[in-house]
């Protein structure tokens, strides 16, 4: 896929180290992609898809790391993945549901949770804290015009701080962007994601 062209990403565009020529990848981006490959055994297609737009790649993953790579007492890394799966399902984003569903299964050590939340979040077996987080996140994803400051009180009631609430809102908003990028460019989940975290360890 040429930079700046809106169209489907073919499998050979996104399954290799990069969809752009090797020599065109800035060193810092190539280093991050290689680190992901070494850790995971493969390169998620979002990395190779965005590598053609270096400034967007850097901004995207900087924001991602700010809101996803944190653990707080009331909002763990697994909780953050839960938000992504629930809201990406609401946005019908296969890529993010599958990819982040895999991460959620691993972080929760639960092979069922991602499927249950993505298909029918209202019936998923969530405790009161997670139920409040998911319900708030889905409202914000589906009908943002109906959400205001008072709605965050439900999150405070179950222990989230104002910083946590900022993160919840930011995750919903950020993955609204991510979902739309995945839709517009027909970004497909790597086959590896489908199998990850399916067997409890």
N, C-alpha and C. Protein backbone atom coordinates (compact mmCIF):
# COMPACT_ATOMS: atom_id res chain seq x y z
N UNK A 1 0.86 -1.20 0.00
CA UNK A 1 0.00 0.00 0.00
C UNK A 1 0.88 1.23 0.00
N UNK A 2 0.73 2.07 -0.95
CA UNK A 2 1.54 3.28 -1.02
C UNK A 2 1.14 4.25 0.07
N UNK A 3 2.12 4.98 0.58
CA UNK A 3 1.82 5.97 1.61
C UNK A 3 0.83 6.97 1.07
N UNK A 4 -0.18 7.27 1.90
CA UNK A 4 -1.17 8.24 1.51
C UNK A 4 -2.31 7.67 0.68
N UNK A 5 -2.26 6.36 0.38
CA UNK A 5 -3.30 5.74 -0.41
C UNK A 5 -4.25 4.99 0.49
N UNK A 6 -5.53 5.29 0.38
CA UNK A 6 -6.54 4.57 1.16
C UNK A 6 -6.97 3.36 0.35
N UNK A 7 -6.74 2.19 0.90
CA UNK A 7 -7.14 0.96 0.23
C UNK A 7 -6.79 -0.21 1.09
N UNK A 8 -7.12 -1.41 0.63
CA UNK A 8 -6.89 -2.61 1.42
C UNK A 8 -5.41 -2.90 1.51
N UNK A 9 -4.99 -3.38 2.69
CA UNK A 9 -3.63 -3.84 2.87
C UNK A 9 -3.59 -5.32 2.54
N UNK A 10 -2.84 -5.68 1.53
CA UNK A 10 -2.68 -7.09 1.20
C UNK A 10 -1.85 -7.76 2.28
N UNK A 11 -1.97 -9.10 2.37
CA UNK A 11 -1.26 -9.81 3.41
C UNK A 11 0.24 -9.57 3.34
N UNK A 12 0.79 -9.51 2.11
CA UNK A 12 2.23 -9.32 2.01
C UNK A 12 2.62 -7.88 2.30
N UNK A 13 1.65 -6.98 2.41
CA UNK A 13 1.95 -5.61 2.82
C UNK A 13 2.20 -5.52 4.31
N UNK A 14 1.52 -6.36 5.08
CA UNK A 14 1.51 -6.15 6.52
C UNK A 14 2.08 -7.30 7.32
N UNK A 15 2.43 -8.42 6.71
CA UNK A 15 2.92 -9.56 7.47
C UNK A 15 4.44 -9.64 7.55
N UNK A 16 5.15 -8.80 6.82
CA UNK A 16 6.58 -8.82 6.88
C UNK A 16 7.10 -7.83 7.91
N UNK A 17 8.39 -7.57 7.86
CA UNK A 17 8.97 -6.63 8.82
C UNK A 17 8.43 -5.23 8.61
N UNK A 18 8.14 -4.90 7.39
CA UNK A 18 7.60 -3.58 7.09
C UNK A 18 6.92 -3.60 5.75
N UNK A 19 5.92 -2.74 5.56
CA UNK A 19 5.27 -2.65 4.27
C UNK A 19 5.97 -1.67 3.36
N UNK A 20 6.91 -0.93 3.89
CA UNK A 20 7.73 -0.06 3.07
C UNK A 20 9.08 -0.74 2.86
N UNK A 21 9.88 -0.22 1.92
CA UNK A 21 11.20 -0.79 1.69
C UNK A 21 12.05 -0.66 2.95
N UNK A 22 12.88 -1.66 3.20
CA UNK A 22 13.68 -1.69 4.43
C UNK A 22 14.47 -0.40 4.61
N UNK A 23 15.03 0.10 3.53
CA UNK A 23 15.87 1.27 3.65
C UNK A 23 15.11 2.54 3.97
N UNK A 24 13.78 2.50 3.84
CA UNK A 24 12.98 3.69 4.08
C UNK A 24 12.54 3.83 5.53
N UNK A 25 12.75 2.80 6.34
CA UNK A 25 12.28 2.82 7.72
C UNK A 25 13.30 3.53 8.61
N UNK A 26 12.90 4.59 9.30
CA UNK A 26 13.83 5.27 10.22
C UNK A 26 14.32 4.29 11.29
N UNK A 27 15.52 4.54 11.77
CA UNK A 27 16.17 3.59 12.67
C UNK A 27 15.37 3.35 13.94
N UNK A 28 14.77 4.40 14.51
CA UNK A 28 14.04 4.22 15.77
C UNK A 28 12.80 3.35 15.57
N UNK A 29 12.16 3.46 14.41
CA UNK A 29 10.97 2.65 14.13
C UNK A 29 11.37 1.21 13.85
N UNK A 30 12.43 1.03 13.07
CA UNK A 30 12.92 -0.32 12.79
C UNK A 30 13.32 -1.01 14.09
N UNK A 31 13.91 -0.27 15.01
CA UNK A 31 14.32 -0.84 16.30
C UNK A 31 13.11 -1.29 17.11
N UNK A 32 12.07 -0.48 17.12
CA UNK A 32 10.86 -0.86 17.86
C UNK A 32 10.21 -2.08 17.23
N UNK A 33 10.12 -2.12 15.92
CA UNK A 33 9.53 -3.26 15.24
C UNK A 33 10.31 -4.53 15.55
N UNK A 34 11.62 -4.44 15.53
CA UNK A 34 12.44 -5.61 15.81
C UNK A 34 12.29 -6.08 17.25
N UNK A 35 12.15 -5.12 18.17
CA UNK A 35 11.94 -5.49 19.58
C UNK A 35 10.63 -6.24 19.76
N UNK A 36 9.60 -5.80 19.04
CA UNK A 36 8.31 -6.49 19.11
C UNK A 36 8.42 -7.89 18.51
N UNK A 37 9.14 -8.01 17.42
CA UNK A 37 9.32 -9.32 16.79
C UNK A 37 10.04 -10.28 17.75
N UNK A 38 11.07 -9.79 18.41
CA UNK A 38 11.82 -10.64 19.33
C UNK A 38 10.97 -11.08 20.52
N UNK A 39 10.12 -10.18 21.00
CA UNK A 39 9.29 -10.50 22.17
C UNK A 39 8.13 -11.41 21.81
N UNK A 40 7.48 -11.15 20.68
CA UNK A 40 6.24 -11.86 20.33
C UNK A 40 6.44 -13.01 19.35
N UNK A 41 7.53 -12.97 18.60
CA UNK A 41 7.75 -13.98 17.58
C UNK A 41 7.16 -13.60 16.24
N UNK A 42 6.50 -12.47 16.17
CA UNK A 42 5.93 -11.96 14.92
C UNK A 42 5.74 -10.46 15.07
N UNK A 43 5.42 -9.79 13.97
CA UNK A 43 5.21 -8.34 13.99
C UNK A 43 3.73 -8.06 13.75
N UNK A 44 3.02 -7.52 14.74
CA UNK A 44 1.60 -7.18 14.51
C UNK A 44 1.45 -6.23 13.33
N UNK A 45 0.40 -6.47 12.57
CA UNK A 45 0.23 -5.73 11.31
C UNK A 45 0.08 -4.23 11.49
N UNK A 46 -0.37 -3.79 12.66
CA UNK A 46 -0.49 -2.35 12.88
C UNK A 46 0.87 -1.67 12.81
N UNK A 47 1.91 -2.36 13.24
CA UNK A 47 3.25 -1.78 13.20
C UNK A 47 3.71 -1.60 11.76
N UNK A 48 3.54 -2.64 10.97
CA UNK A 48 4.00 -2.54 9.59
C UNK A 48 3.11 -1.62 8.77
N UNK A 49 1.82 -1.58 9.12
CA UNK A 49 0.93 -0.69 8.39
C UNK A 49 1.25 0.77 8.60
N UNK A 50 1.61 1.14 9.84
CA UNK A 50 1.88 2.54 10.15
C UNK A 50 3.32 2.95 9.86
N UNK A 51 4.19 1.97 9.58
CA UNK A 51 5.61 2.29 9.38
C UNK A 51 5.83 3.20 8.18
N UNK A 52 4.89 3.20 7.25
CA UNK A 52 5.02 4.08 6.08
C UNK A 52 4.85 5.55 6.42
N UNK A 53 4.25 5.81 7.58
CA UNK A 53 4.03 7.20 8.01
C UNK A 53 4.77 7.40 9.33
N UNK A 54 6.07 7.65 9.29
CA UNK A 54 6.89 7.66 10.51
C UNK A 54 6.40 8.60 11.60
N UNK A 55 5.98 9.81 11.24
CA UNK A 55 5.53 10.74 12.27
C UNK A 55 4.24 10.24 12.92
N UNK A 56 3.34 9.71 12.12
CA UNK A 56 2.12 9.13 12.66
C UNK A 56 2.44 7.92 13.52
N UNK A 57 3.35 7.07 13.07
CA UNK A 57 3.77 5.90 13.85
C UNK A 57 4.24 6.32 15.23
N UNK A 58 5.13 7.32 15.27
CA UNK A 58 5.68 7.76 16.56
C UNK A 58 4.60 8.32 17.46
N UNK A 59 3.74 9.19 16.91
CA UNK A 59 2.68 9.79 17.72
C UNK A 59 1.70 8.73 18.21
N UNK A 60 1.34 7.81 17.32
CA UNK A 60 0.38 6.75 17.65
C UNK A 60 0.88 5.90 18.80
N UNK A 61 2.10 5.42 18.70
CA UNK A 61 2.59 4.51 19.73
C UNK A 61 3.02 5.25 20.99
N UNK A 62 3.37 6.52 20.87
CA UNK A 62 3.62 7.31 22.08
C UNK A 62 2.34 7.43 22.90
N UNK A 63 1.25 7.77 22.23
CA UNK A 63 -0.02 7.89 22.95
C UNK A 63 -0.46 6.53 23.48
N UNK A 64 -0.32 5.50 22.66
CA UNK A 64 -0.65 4.15 23.10
C UNK A 64 0.07 3.80 24.40
N UNK A 65 1.37 4.05 24.43
CA UNK A 65 2.15 3.69 25.61
C UNK A 65 1.74 4.51 26.83
N UNK A 66 1.38 5.77 26.61
CA UNK A 66 0.97 6.62 27.72
C UNK A 66 -0.26 6.07 28.43
N UNK A 67 -1.21 5.54 27.68
CA UNK A 67 -2.48 5.13 28.29
C UNK A 67 -2.59 3.63 28.52
N UNK A 68 -1.75 2.83 27.85
CA UNK A 68 -1.89 1.38 27.98
C UNK A 68 -0.82 0.73 28.83
N UNK A 69 0.34 1.31 28.91
CA UNK A 69 1.45 0.67 29.63
C UNK A 69 1.55 1.17 31.07
N UNK A 70 0.41 1.21 31.74
CA UNK A 70 0.38 1.67 33.14
C UNK A 70 -0.46 0.70 33.96
N UNK A 71 -0.07 0.54 35.21
CA UNK A 71 -0.86 -0.21 36.18
C UNK A 71 -1.15 0.71 37.35
N UNK A 72 -2.41 0.87 37.71
CA UNK A 72 -2.76 1.59 38.93
C UNK A 72 -3.65 0.66 39.75
N UNK A 73 -3.84 0.95 41.03
CA UNK A 73 -4.63 0.04 41.87
C UNK A 73 -6.03 -0.24 41.34
N UNK A 74 -6.65 0.72 40.69
CA UNK A 74 -8.03 0.53 40.21
C UNK A 74 -8.14 0.36 38.70
N UNK A 75 -7.00 0.43 37.98
CA UNK A 75 -7.05 0.30 36.52
C UNK A 75 -5.76 -0.38 36.05
N UNK A 76 -5.81 -1.70 36.02
CA UNK A 76 -4.64 -2.49 35.66
C UNK A 76 -4.44 -2.50 34.14
N UNK A 77 -3.32 -3.05 33.71
CA UNK A 77 -3.10 -3.20 32.27
C UNK A 77 -4.16 -4.11 31.66
N UNK A 78 -4.57 -5.13 32.39
CA UNK A 78 -5.63 -6.01 31.88
C UNK A 78 -6.95 -5.25 31.75
N UNK A 79 -7.26 -4.40 32.72
CA UNK A 79 -8.48 -3.59 32.64
C UNK A 79 -8.45 -2.70 31.40
N UNK A 80 -7.31 -2.18 31.08
CA UNK A 80 -7.17 -1.31 29.91
C UNK A 80 -7.44 -2.09 28.62
N UNK A 81 -6.94 -3.32 28.58
CA UNK A 81 -7.22 -4.17 27.42
C UNK A 81 -8.71 -4.51 27.34
N UNK A 82 -9.34 -4.68 28.49
CA UNK A 82 -10.77 -4.94 28.54
C UNK A 82 -11.56 -3.81 27.89
N UNK A 83 -11.17 -2.58 28.18
CA UNK A 83 -11.81 -1.42 27.57
C UNK A 83 -11.65 -1.46 26.05
N UNK A 84 -10.45 -1.79 25.59
CA UNK A 84 -10.19 -1.84 24.16
C UNK A 84 -11.07 -2.88 23.48
N UNK A 85 -11.16 -4.06 24.07
CA UNK A 85 -11.95 -5.13 23.46
C UNK A 85 -13.42 -4.75 23.41
N UNK A 86 -13.94 -4.24 24.51
CA UNK A 86 -15.37 -3.90 24.55
C UNK A 86 -15.72 -2.80 23.55
N UNK A 87 -14.93 -1.73 23.53
CA UNK A 87 -15.27 -0.60 22.66
C UNK A 87 -14.93 -0.89 21.20
N UNK A 88 -13.90 -1.67 20.95
CA UNK A 88 -13.59 -2.04 19.57
C UNK A 88 -14.67 -2.95 19.00
N UNK A 89 -15.25 -3.81 19.85
CA UNK A 89 -16.38 -4.62 19.40
C UNK A 89 -17.57 -3.73 19.06
N UNK A 90 -17.79 -2.70 19.87
CA UNK A 90 -18.88 -1.76 19.59
C UNK A 90 -18.66 -1.04 18.27
N UNK A 91 -17.39 -0.86 17.89
CA UNK A 91 -17.04 -0.23 16.62
C UNK A 91 -16.83 -1.24 15.50
N UNK A 92 -17.14 -2.52 15.78
CA UNK A 92 -17.02 -3.60 14.78
C UNK A 92 -15.62 -3.69 14.19
N UNK A 93 -14.61 -3.50 15.03
CA UNK A 93 -13.22 -3.53 14.55
C UNK A 93 -12.62 -4.91 14.82
N UNK A 94 -12.58 -5.73 13.79
CA UNK A 94 -12.05 -7.08 13.95
C UNK A 94 -10.60 -7.06 14.39
N UNK A 95 -9.79 -6.20 13.78
CA UNK A 95 -8.36 -6.19 14.11
C UNK A 95 -8.15 -5.97 15.61
N UNK A 96 -8.75 -4.93 16.15
CA UNK A 96 -8.48 -4.59 17.55
C UNK A 96 -9.12 -5.58 18.51
N UNK A 97 -10.29 -6.12 18.17
CA UNK A 97 -10.91 -7.13 19.03
C UNK A 97 -10.02 -8.36 19.10
N UNK A 98 -9.53 -8.81 17.97
CA UNK A 98 -8.71 -10.03 17.95
C UNK A 98 -7.35 -9.79 18.59
N UNK A 99 -6.67 -8.72 18.20
CA UNK A 99 -5.33 -8.46 18.72
C UNK A 99 -5.35 -8.17 20.21
N UNK A 100 -6.23 -7.29 20.64
CA UNK A 100 -6.26 -6.94 22.06
C UNK A 100 -7.01 -7.97 22.89
N UNK A 101 -7.87 -8.75 22.22
CA UNK A 101 -8.46 -9.88 22.91
C UNK A 101 -7.39 -10.88 23.32
N UNK A 102 -6.41 -11.09 22.45
CA UNK A 102 -5.30 -11.99 22.77
C UNK A 102 -4.52 -11.47 23.98
N UNK A 103 -4.23 -10.18 23.99
CA UNK A 103 -3.48 -9.60 25.11
C UNK A 103 -4.30 -9.68 26.40
N UNK A 104 -5.61 -9.44 26.30
CA UNK A 104 -6.47 -9.53 27.47
C UNK A 104 -6.48 -10.95 28.03
N UNK A 105 -6.59 -11.95 27.17
CA UNK A 105 -6.57 -13.34 27.65
C UNK A 105 -5.30 -13.64 28.41
N UNK A 106 -4.18 -13.15 27.89
CA UNK A 106 -2.89 -13.41 28.53
C UNK A 106 -2.79 -12.67 29.86
N UNK A 107 -3.15 -11.40 29.87
CA UNK A 107 -3.01 -10.61 31.10
C UNK A 107 -3.98 -11.05 32.19
N UNK A 108 -5.16 -11.49 31.79
CA UNK A 108 -6.15 -11.96 32.76
C UNK A 108 -5.98 -13.44 33.10
N UNK A 109 -5.14 -14.13 32.31
CA UNK A 109 -5.01 -15.60 32.45
C UNK A 109 -6.38 -16.27 32.37
N UNK A 110 -7.19 -15.79 31.43
CA UNK A 110 -8.55 -16.26 31.26
C UNK A 110 -8.82 -16.43 29.77
N UNK A 111 -8.97 -17.67 29.28
CA UNK A 111 -9.16 -17.89 27.85
C UNK A 111 -10.53 -17.50 27.33
N UNK A 112 -11.47 -17.17 28.22
CA UNK A 112 -12.85 -16.90 27.80
C UNK A 112 -13.23 -15.42 27.80
N UNK A 113 -12.58 -14.61 28.62
CA UNK A 113 -13.06 -13.27 28.91
C UNK A 113 -13.21 -12.40 27.67
N UNK A 114 -12.25 -12.44 26.76
CA UNK A 114 -12.29 -11.54 25.60
C UNK A 114 -13.48 -11.87 24.70
N UNK A 115 -13.73 -13.14 24.48
CA UNK A 115 -14.86 -13.53 23.64
C UNK A 115 -16.18 -13.13 24.27
N UNK A 116 -16.31 -13.35 25.57
CA UNK A 116 -17.56 -13.03 26.27
C UNK A 116 -17.84 -11.53 26.24
N UNK A 117 -16.82 -10.72 26.45
CA UNK A 117 -17.00 -9.27 26.48
C UNK A 117 -17.27 -8.72 25.08
N UNK A 118 -16.60 -9.26 24.08
CA UNK A 118 -16.78 -8.71 22.73
C UNK A 118 -18.13 -9.08 22.13
N UNK A 119 -18.65 -10.26 22.47
CA UNK A 119 -19.92 -10.70 21.89
C UNK A 119 -21.12 -10.13 22.63
N UNK A 120 -21.09 -10.19 23.97
CA UNK A 120 -22.24 -9.74 24.76
C UNK A 120 -21.76 -9.17 26.08
N UNK A 121 -21.24 -7.94 26.06
CA UNK A 121 -20.65 -7.38 27.28
C UNK A 121 -21.62 -7.29 28.45
N UNK A 122 -22.91 -7.13 28.17
CA UNK A 122 -23.88 -7.01 29.27
C UNK A 122 -23.98 -8.29 30.10
N UNK A 123 -23.68 -9.43 29.49
CA UNK A 123 -23.78 -10.70 30.19
C UNK A 123 -22.43 -11.27 30.61
N UNK A 124 -21.35 -10.57 30.27
CA UNK A 124 -20.03 -11.07 30.63
C UNK A 124 -19.87 -11.08 32.15
N UNK A 125 -19.18 -12.07 32.70
CA UNK A 125 -19.01 -12.19 34.15
C UNK A 125 -17.98 -11.20 34.69
N UNK A 126 -18.42 -9.99 34.98
CA UNK A 126 -17.55 -8.93 35.47
C UNK A 126 -17.92 -8.56 36.88
N UNK A 127 -16.93 -8.23 37.71
CA UNK A 127 -17.24 -7.72 39.04
C UNK A 127 -17.75 -6.29 38.94
N UNK A 128 -18.14 -5.71 40.06
CA UNK A 128 -18.76 -4.38 40.03
C UNK A 128 -17.84 -3.32 39.46
N UNK A 129 -16.54 -3.40 39.78
CA UNK A 129 -15.59 -2.40 39.28
C UNK A 129 -15.47 -2.50 37.77
N UNK A 130 -15.27 -3.69 37.27
CA UNK A 130 -15.13 -3.86 35.83
C UNK A 130 -16.44 -3.58 35.10
N UNK A 131 -17.55 -3.92 35.71
CA UNK A 131 -18.84 -3.62 35.09
C UNK A 131 -19.00 -2.12 34.91
N UNK A 132 -18.63 -1.34 35.92
CA UNK A 132 -18.74 0.12 35.82
C UNK A 132 -17.82 0.66 34.73
N UNK A 133 -16.62 0.11 34.65
CA UNK A 133 -15.65 0.56 33.64
C UNK A 133 -16.17 0.26 32.23
N UNK A 134 -16.63 -0.96 32.01
CA UNK A 134 -17.10 -1.36 30.69
C UNK A 134 -18.36 -0.58 30.30
N UNK A 135 -19.29 -0.45 31.22
CA UNK A 135 -20.53 0.27 30.91
C UNK A 135 -20.25 1.73 30.54
N UNK A 136 -19.40 2.38 31.32
CA UNK A 136 -19.05 3.77 31.03
C UNK A 136 -18.35 3.87 29.67
N UNK A 137 -17.39 2.97 29.42
CA UNK A 137 -16.62 3.01 28.18
C UNK A 137 -17.50 2.80 26.97
N UNK A 138 -18.46 1.88 27.07
CA UNK A 138 -19.35 1.63 25.95
C UNK A 138 -20.27 2.81 25.68
N UNK A 139 -20.76 3.44 26.73
CA UNK A 139 -21.59 4.63 26.53
C UNK A 139 -20.78 5.72 25.82
N UNK A 140 -19.54 5.90 26.25
CA UNK A 140 -18.71 6.93 25.64
C UNK A 140 -18.40 6.59 24.18
N UNK A 141 -18.22 5.32 23.88
CA UNK A 141 -17.92 4.91 22.51
C UNK A 141 -19.14 5.02 21.60
N UNK A 142 -20.32 4.66 22.14
CA UNK A 142 -21.52 4.59 21.30
C UNK A 142 -22.26 5.92 21.21
N UNK A 143 -22.41 6.60 22.34
CA UNK A 143 -23.18 7.85 22.36
C UNK A 143 -22.43 8.90 23.17
N UNK A 144 -21.31 9.37 22.65
CA UNK A 144 -20.49 10.32 23.41
C UNK A 144 -21.23 11.61 23.75
N UNK A 145 -22.20 11.98 22.91
CA UNK A 145 -22.93 13.21 23.17
C UNK A 145 -23.80 13.11 24.43
N UNK A 146 -24.04 11.90 24.90
CA UNK A 146 -24.87 11.71 26.09
C UNK A 146 -24.05 11.58 27.38
N UNK A 147 -22.74 11.67 27.26
CA UNK A 147 -21.87 11.49 28.42
C UNK A 147 -21.32 12.84 28.87
N UNK A 148 -21.39 13.07 30.17
CA UNK A 148 -20.86 14.31 30.75
C UNK A 148 -20.09 14.02 32.03
N UNK A 149 -19.57 15.07 32.66
CA UNK A 149 -18.75 14.89 33.86
C UNK A 149 -19.43 14.08 34.97
N UNK A 150 -20.72 14.24 35.14
CA UNK A 150 -21.41 13.53 36.22
C UNK A 150 -21.39 12.02 36.03
N UNK A 151 -21.26 11.57 34.79
CA UNK A 151 -21.27 10.13 34.54
C UNK A 151 -20.04 9.44 35.11
N UNK A 152 -18.96 10.19 35.29
CA UNK A 152 -17.73 9.60 35.84
C UNK A 152 -17.88 9.23 37.31
N UNK A 153 -18.93 9.69 37.96
CA UNK A 153 -19.12 9.37 39.37
C UNK A 153 -19.25 7.86 39.58
N UNK A 154 -19.82 7.19 38.60
CA UNK A 154 -19.94 5.72 38.71
C UNK A 154 -18.57 5.06 38.78
N UNK A 155 -17.58 5.66 38.14
CA UNK A 155 -16.22 5.13 38.20
C UNK A 155 -15.55 5.45 39.53
N UNK A 156 -15.78 6.65 40.03
CA UNK A 156 -15.21 7.00 41.34
C UNK A 156 -15.78 6.10 42.44
N UNK A 157 -17.04 5.74 42.30
CA UNK A 157 -17.69 4.90 43.31
C UNK A 157 -17.00 3.55 43.45
N UNK A 158 -16.43 3.05 42.35
CA UNK A 158 -15.76 1.74 42.41
C UNK A 158 -14.25 1.88 42.56
N UNK A 159 -13.78 3.09 42.88
CA UNK A 159 -12.38 3.25 43.27
C UNK A 159 -11.45 3.91 42.28
N UNK A 160 -11.95 4.29 41.11
CA UNK A 160 -11.06 4.94 40.14
C UNK A 160 -10.78 6.37 40.57
N UNK A 161 -9.54 6.79 40.35
CA UNK A 161 -9.15 8.16 40.62
C UNK A 161 -9.43 9.03 39.40
N UNK A 162 -9.26 10.33 39.56
CA UNK A 162 -9.44 11.22 38.41
C UNK A 162 -8.43 10.90 37.30
N UNK A 163 -7.19 10.54 37.69
CA UNK A 163 -6.20 10.14 36.69
C UNK A 163 -6.65 8.88 35.95
N UNK A 164 -7.20 7.93 36.68
CA UNK A 164 -7.72 6.71 36.04
C UNK A 164 -8.83 7.05 35.05
N UNK A 165 -9.70 7.96 35.44
CA UNK A 165 -10.82 8.34 34.56
C UNK A 165 -10.29 9.01 33.29
N UNK A 166 -9.29 9.86 33.43
CA UNK A 166 -8.65 10.43 32.25
C UNK A 166 -8.14 9.33 31.33
N UNK A 167 -7.56 8.28 31.92
CA UNK A 167 -7.05 7.19 31.10
C UNK A 167 -8.17 6.41 30.43
N UNK A 168 -9.25 6.15 31.14
CA UNK A 168 -10.39 5.45 30.53
C UNK A 168 -10.89 6.23 29.32
N UNK A 169 -11.12 7.52 29.50
CA UNK A 169 -11.62 8.35 28.40
C UNK A 169 -10.62 8.37 27.24
N UNK A 170 -9.35 8.47 27.58
CA UNK A 170 -8.31 8.53 26.54
C UNK A 170 -8.22 7.22 25.77
N UNK A 171 -8.36 6.10 26.47
CA UNK A 171 -8.32 4.80 25.79
C UNK A 171 -9.49 4.67 24.82
N UNK A 172 -10.68 5.04 25.28
CA UNK A 172 -11.85 4.96 24.39
C UNK A 172 -11.63 5.84 23.16
N UNK A 173 -11.17 7.05 23.36
CA UNK A 173 -10.95 7.96 22.24
C UNK A 173 -9.84 7.49 21.32
N UNK A 174 -8.73 7.04 21.89
CA UNK A 174 -7.59 6.60 21.09
C UNK A 174 -7.96 5.39 20.23
N UNK A 175 -8.68 4.46 20.82
CA UNK A 175 -9.01 3.28 20.03
C UNK A 175 -10.17 3.53 19.07
N UNK A 176 -10.91 4.61 19.27
CA UNK A 176 -11.82 5.06 18.22
C UNK A 176 -11.02 5.41 16.97
N UNK A 177 -9.88 6.09 17.16
CA UNK A 177 -8.97 6.38 16.05
C UNK A 177 -8.41 5.10 15.47
N UNK A 178 -7.90 4.23 16.33
CA UNK A 178 -7.29 2.99 15.87
C UNK A 178 -8.28 2.14 15.10
N UNK A 179 -9.50 2.03 15.60
CA UNK A 179 -10.54 1.25 14.91
C UNK A 179 -10.79 1.80 13.52
N UNK A 180 -10.82 3.10 13.39
CA UNK A 180 -11.11 3.71 12.09
C UNK A 180 -9.94 3.53 11.12
N UNK A 181 -8.73 3.59 11.61
CA UNK A 181 -7.59 3.29 10.75
C UNK A 181 -7.66 1.85 10.26
N UNK A 182 -7.99 0.94 11.17
CA UNK A 182 -8.07 -0.48 10.79
C UNK A 182 -9.17 -0.71 9.75
N UNK A 183 -10.32 -0.06 9.93
CA UNK A 183 -11.40 -0.19 8.95
C UNK A 183 -10.98 0.39 7.60
N UNK A 184 -10.48 1.61 7.61
CA UNK A 184 -10.20 2.32 6.36
C UNK A 184 -9.15 1.62 5.51
N UNK A 185 -8.16 1.00 6.17
CA UNK A 185 -7.07 0.35 5.45
C UNK A 185 -7.18 -1.16 5.44
N UNK A 186 -8.34 -1.68 5.86
CA UNK A 186 -8.58 -3.13 5.86
C UNK A 186 -7.43 -3.87 6.55
N UNK A 187 -7.08 -3.39 7.74
CA UNK A 187 -6.01 -4.01 8.51
C UNK A 187 -6.52 -5.32 9.12
N UNK A 188 -5.81 -6.39 8.89
CA UNK A 188 -6.27 -7.72 9.29
C UNK A 188 -5.43 -8.26 10.44
N UNK A 189 -6.05 -8.99 11.35
CA UNK A 189 -5.28 -9.56 12.47
C UNK A 189 -4.29 -10.61 11.99
N UNK A 190 -3.12 -10.62 12.59
CA UNK A 190 -2.17 -11.70 12.31
C UNK A 190 -2.76 -13.02 12.78
N UNK A 191 -2.52 -14.11 12.08
CA UNK A 191 -3.04 -15.41 12.50
C UNK A 191 -2.62 -15.79 13.92
N UNK A 192 -1.44 -15.36 14.32
CA UNK A 192 -0.94 -15.73 15.65
C UNK A 192 -1.85 -15.25 16.78
N UNK A 193 -2.50 -14.11 16.59
CA UNK A 193 -3.34 -13.55 17.65
C UNK A 193 -4.49 -14.49 18.03
N UNK A 194 -5.02 -15.22 17.05
CA UNK A 194 -6.19 -16.04 17.30
C UNK A 194 -5.92 -17.15 18.32
N UNK A 195 -4.68 -17.58 18.41
CA UNK A 195 -4.33 -18.72 19.28
C UNK A 195 -3.78 -18.29 20.63
N UNK A 196 -3.38 -17.05 20.76
CA UNK A 196 -2.70 -16.61 21.99
C UNK A 196 -3.65 -16.62 23.19
N UNK A 197 -3.16 -17.15 24.31
CA UNK A 197 -3.90 -17.12 25.56
C UNK A 197 -5.12 -18.02 25.60
N UNK A 198 -5.21 -18.96 24.69
CA UNK A 198 -6.39 -19.83 24.66
C UNK A 198 -6.30 -20.97 25.69
N UNK A 199 -5.07 -21.34 26.03
CA UNK A 199 -4.86 -22.42 27.00
C UNK A 199 -4.29 -21.83 28.28
N UNK A 200 -4.98 -21.95 29.40
CA UNK A 200 -4.46 -21.40 30.66
C UNK A 200 -3.11 -22.00 31.02
N UNK A 201 -2.24 -21.16 31.54
CA UNK A 201 -0.92 -21.64 31.97
C UNK A 201 -0.84 -21.70 33.49
